[in-house]
Amino acid sequence: MSLIGLMKEAIASGKLTEPFTSSQVSEALCRPNWPPARVQHFLARRCLGNLAAFSYYFERVGSGQYRLLRETARDGNRPGGPLPEC
């Protein structure tokens, strides 16, 4: 399962609350293949405002803090539909 799918499950189950940091995501997932540094890279690359991203899944709400966008944004202004099920 992808990180986004794992995060959606963790948020739905209450293991992860928004806003979250990369360390909180890593702790909530309890997966050795998703350490905080890798999670931080994933969040930053898919964050609203990153011009290099194809799709945005997160919004930065503070220094190192993010929240999950409820819809995937394909550009900075327009939602692209619901997040894909992973």
N, C-alpha and C. Protein backbone atom coordinates (compact mmCIF):
# COMPACT_ATOMS: atom_id res chain seq x y z
N MET A 1 0.84 -1.18 0.00
CA MET A 1 0.00 0.00 0.00
C MET A 1 0.89 1.24 0.00
N SER A 2 0.44 2.29 -0.68
CA SER A 2 1.22 3.52 -0.77
C SER A 2 1.17 4.31 0.55
N LEU A 3 2.06 5.26 0.67
CA LEU A 3 2.09 6.08 1.88
C LEU A 3 0.78 6.85 2.05
N ILE A 4 0.23 7.35 0.98
CA ILE A 4 -1.02 8.10 1.08
C ILE A 4 -2.13 7.20 1.60
N GLY A 5 -2.22 5.99 1.11
CA GLY A 5 -3.23 5.04 1.59
C GLY A 5 -3.03 4.71 3.06
N LEU A 6 -1.78 4.50 3.46
CA LEU A 6 -1.47 4.22 4.86
C LEU A 6 -1.82 5.40 5.75
N MET A 7 -1.54 6.60 5.27
CA MET A 7 -1.85 7.79 6.05
C MET A 7 -3.36 7.99 6.18
N LYS A 8 -4.11 7.74 5.11
CA LYS A 8 -5.57 7.86 5.18
C LYS A 8 -6.14 6.89 6.20
N GLU A 9 -5.61 5.67 6.23
CA GLU A 9 -6.05 4.69 7.22
C GLU A 9 -5.71 5.13 8.64
N ALA A 10 -4.50 5.67 8.83
CA ALA A 10 -4.07 6.11 10.15
C ALA A 10 -4.92 7.29 10.63
N ILE A 11 -5.27 8.20 9.74
CA ILE A 11 -6.12 9.33 10.11
C ILE A 11 -7.52 8.84 10.45
N ALA A 12 -8.07 7.94 9.64
CA ALA A 12 -9.41 7.40 9.87
C ALA A 12 -9.49 6.64 11.19
N SER A 13 -8.41 5.94 11.56
CA SER A 13 -8.42 5.16 12.79
C SER A 13 -8.06 5.99 14.03
N GLY A 14 -7.61 7.23 13.82
CA GLY A 14 -7.25 8.08 14.95
C GLY A 14 -5.80 7.96 15.39
N LYS A 15 -5.00 7.14 14.71
CA LYS A 15 -3.59 7.02 15.05
C LYS A 15 -2.79 8.26 14.67
N LEU A 16 -3.29 8.99 13.69
CA LEU A 16 -2.62 10.18 13.18
C LEU A 16 -3.63 11.32 13.15
N THR A 17 -3.25 12.45 13.71
CA THR A 17 -4.13 13.62 13.70
C THR A 17 -3.50 14.73 12.87
N GLU A 18 -4.34 15.57 12.34
CA GLU A 18 -3.87 16.68 11.53
C GLU A 18 -3.86 17.96 12.35
N PRO A 19 -2.91 18.84 12.13
CA PRO A 19 -1.76 18.70 11.24
C PRO A 19 -0.75 17.73 11.82
N PHE A 20 0.08 17.20 10.94
CA PHE A 20 1.06 16.19 11.35
C PHE A 20 2.44 16.55 10.83
N THR A 21 3.45 15.97 11.47
CA THR A 21 4.83 16.13 11.02
C THR A 21 5.30 14.80 10.45
N SER A 22 6.44 14.81 9.82
CA SER A 22 6.97 13.56 9.26
C SER A 22 7.26 12.55 10.36
N SER A 23 7.71 13.01 11.51
CA SER A 23 7.98 12.10 12.64
C SER A 23 6.70 11.45 13.14
N GLN A 24 5.63 12.24 13.22
CA GLN A 24 4.35 11.69 13.67
C GLN A 24 3.81 10.66 12.68
N VAL A 25 3.98 10.91 11.39
CA VAL A 25 3.54 9.95 10.37
C VAL A 25 4.32 8.66 10.53
N SER A 26 5.63 8.76 10.65
CA SER A 26 6.48 7.58 10.78
C SER A 26 6.11 6.77 12.02
N GLU A 27 5.87 7.44 13.13
CA GLU A 27 5.49 6.75 14.37
C GLU A 27 4.13 6.08 14.24
N ALA A 28 3.17 6.77 13.62
CA ALA A 28 1.82 6.23 13.48
C ALA A 28 1.79 5.00 12.58
N LEU A 29 2.65 4.98 11.55
CA LEU A 29 2.64 3.87 10.59
C LEU A 29 3.38 2.65 11.11
N CYS A 30 4.39 2.86 11.97
CA CYS A 30 5.20 1.75 12.50
C CYS A 30 5.74 0.88 11.38
N ARG A 31 6.24 1.50 10.34
CA ARG A 31 6.83 0.78 9.21
C ARG A 31 8.30 1.17 9.07
N PRO A 32 9.20 0.19 9.13
CA PRO A 32 10.62 0.53 9.03
C PRO A 32 11.02 1.12 7.68
N ASN A 33 10.24 0.86 6.63
CA ASN A 33 10.59 1.39 5.32
C ASN A 33 10.11 2.83 5.13
N TRP A 34 9.47 3.44 6.14
CA TRP A 34 9.05 4.84 6.08
C TRP A 34 9.62 5.61 7.28
N PRO A 35 10.96 5.81 7.33
CA PRO A 35 11.55 6.61 8.40
C PRO A 35 11.19 8.09 8.20
N PRO A 36 11.34 8.92 9.24
CA PRO A 36 10.96 10.34 9.13
C PRO A 36 11.59 11.08 7.96
N ALA A 37 12.84 10.82 7.64
CA ALA A 37 13.49 11.53 6.52
C ALA A 37 12.81 11.20 5.19
N ARG A 38 12.46 9.95 4.98
CA ARG A 38 11.79 9.54 3.73
C ARG A 38 10.37 10.12 3.68
N VAL A 39 9.68 10.12 4.81
CA VAL A 39 8.33 10.69 4.86
C VAL A 39 8.39 12.19 4.57
N GLN A 40 9.38 12.90 5.15
CA GLN A 40 9.52 14.33 4.91
C GLN A 40 9.74 14.62 3.44
N HIS A 41 10.57 13.84 2.79
CA HIS A 41 10.82 14.02 1.36
C HIS A 41 9.52 13.80 0.57
N PHE A 42 8.77 12.77 0.92
CA PHE A 42 7.50 12.46 0.26
C PHE A 42 6.52 13.62 0.43
N LEU A 43 6.39 14.15 1.65
CA LEU A 43 5.46 15.24 1.92
C LEU A 43 5.86 16.49 1.14
N ALA A 44 7.12 16.85 1.17
CA ALA A 44 7.59 18.06 0.50
C ALA A 44 7.41 17.98 -1.01
N ARG A 45 7.64 16.80 -1.59
CA ARG A 45 7.52 16.64 -3.05
C ARG A 45 6.07 16.69 -3.53
N ARG A 46 5.12 16.43 -2.65
CA ARG A 46 3.71 16.39 -3.06
C ARG A 46 2.88 17.45 -2.34
N CYS A 47 3.54 18.53 -1.93
CA CYS A 47 2.91 19.59 -1.17
C CYS A 47 2.40 20.68 -2.11
N LEU A 48 1.22 21.19 -1.81
CA LEU A 48 0.65 22.30 -2.57
C LEU A 48 1.64 23.44 -2.60
N GLY A 49 1.92 23.95 -3.76
CA GLY A 49 2.90 25.02 -3.91
C GLY A 49 4.22 24.56 -4.50
N ASN A 50 4.48 23.26 -4.51
CA ASN A 50 5.70 22.74 -5.13
C ASN A 50 5.48 22.71 -6.63
N LEU A 51 6.15 23.58 -7.35
CA LEU A 51 5.93 23.71 -8.78
C LEU A 51 6.37 22.48 -9.57
N ALA A 52 7.21 21.65 -8.99
CA ALA A 52 7.70 20.45 -9.68
C ALA A 52 6.74 19.27 -9.52
N ALA A 53 5.75 19.38 -8.65
CA ALA A 53 4.83 18.26 -8.39
C ALA A 53 3.79 18.15 -9.49
N PHE A 54 3.45 16.93 -9.85
CA PHE A 54 2.38 16.69 -10.82
C PHE A 54 1.02 16.77 -10.14
N SER A 55 0.93 16.20 -8.97
CA SER A 55 -0.30 16.23 -8.17
C SER A 55 0.05 16.62 -6.74
N TYR A 56 -0.86 17.33 -6.10
CA TYR A 56 -0.66 17.75 -4.72
C TYR A 56 -1.58 16.93 -3.83
N TYR A 57 -1.02 16.39 -2.75
CA TYR A 57 -1.80 15.60 -1.80
C TYR A 57 -1.81 16.24 -0.41
N PHE A 58 -0.91 17.20 -0.18
CA PHE A 58 -0.75 17.79 1.14
C PHE A 58 -0.70 19.30 1.05
N GLU A 59 -1.03 19.93 2.17
CA GLU A 59 -0.90 21.37 2.29
C GLU A 59 -0.03 21.64 3.51
N ARG A 60 0.96 22.52 3.36
CA ARG A 60 1.80 22.89 4.49
C ARG A 60 1.06 23.94 5.31
N VAL A 61 0.90 23.68 6.58
CA VAL A 61 0.15 24.61 7.45
C VAL A 61 1.04 25.26 8.49
N GLY A 62 2.28 24.87 8.56
CA GLY A 62 3.25 25.44 9.49
C GLY A 62 4.61 24.87 9.17
N SER A 63 5.60 25.28 9.92
CA SER A 63 6.94 24.79 9.71
C SER A 63 7.01 23.29 9.98
N GLY A 64 7.14 22.50 8.92
CA GLY A 64 7.21 21.05 9.06
C GLY A 64 5.89 20.37 9.35
N GLN A 65 4.79 21.11 9.28
CA GLN A 65 3.47 20.55 9.56
C GLN A 65 2.62 20.56 8.29
N TYR A 66 1.90 19.47 8.11
CA TYR A 66 1.10 19.28 6.91
C TYR A 66 -0.29 18.77 7.27
N ARG A 67 -1.19 18.91 6.32
CA ARG A 67 -2.49 18.26 6.42
C ARG A 67 -2.79 17.64 5.06
N LEU A 68 -3.57 16.62 5.07
CA LEU A 68 -3.95 15.90 3.86
C LEU A 68 -5.03 16.69 3.14
N LEU A 69 -4.85 16.92 1.84
CA LEU A 69 -5.90 17.54 1.04
C LEU A 69 -6.98 16.51 0.81
N ARG A 70 -8.21 16.88 0.88
CA ARG A 70 -9.31 15.94 0.70
C ARG A 70 -9.53 15.60 -0.75
N GLU A 71 -9.02 16.45 -1.65
CA GLU A 71 -9.07 16.17 -3.09
C GLU A 71 -7.68 16.41 -3.64
N THR A 72 -7.31 15.67 -4.65
CA THR A 72 -6.02 15.85 -5.30
C THR A 72 -6.07 17.10 -6.15
N ALA A 73 -5.13 18.02 -5.97
CA ALA A 73 -5.05 19.22 -6.78
C ALA A 73 -4.00 19.01 -7.85
N ARG A 74 -4.38 19.18 -9.10
CA ARG A 74 -3.44 18.98 -10.19
C ARG A 74 -2.69 20.26 -10.52
N ASP A 75 -3.22 21.38 -10.11
CA ASP A 75 -2.47 22.63 -10.17
C ASP A 75 -2.77 23.40 -8.89
N GLY A 76 -2.26 24.57 -8.74
CA GLY A 76 -2.42 25.29 -7.50
C GLY A 76 -3.81 25.84 -7.24
N ASN A 77 -4.71 25.79 -8.21
CA ASN A 77 -6.00 26.44 -8.06
C ASN A 77 -7.20 25.52 -8.12
N ARG A 78 -7.06 24.36 -8.67
CA ARG A 78 -8.23 23.57 -9.03
C ARG A 78 -8.14 22.17 -8.47
N PRO A 79 -9.15 21.69 -7.74
CA PRO A 79 -9.14 20.30 -7.29
C PRO A 79 -9.34 19.36 -8.45
N GLY A 80 -8.70 18.18 -8.39
CA GLY A 80 -8.78 17.25 -9.50
C GLY A 80 -9.66 16.04 -9.22
N GLY A 81 -10.39 16.04 -8.17
CA GLY A 81 -11.24 14.89 -7.84
C GLY A 81 -10.76 14.22 -6.59
N PRO A 82 -11.47 13.18 -6.16
CA PRO A 82 -11.10 12.52 -4.91
C PRO A 82 -9.74 11.84 -5.00
N LEU A 83 -9.11 11.69 -3.83
CA LEU A 83 -7.84 10.98 -3.80
C LEU A 83 -8.03 9.53 -4.25
N PRO A 84 -7.09 9.01 -5.00
CA PRO A 84 -7.23 7.62 -5.43
C PRO A 84 -7.12 6.65 -4.26
N GLU A 85 -7.89 5.59 -4.30
CA GLU A 85 -7.77 4.55 -3.29
C GLU A 85 -6.51 3.76 -3.58
N CYS A 86 -5.72 3.57 -2.56
CA CYS A 86 -4.43 2.89 -2.76
C CYS A 86 -4.46 1.50 -2.18
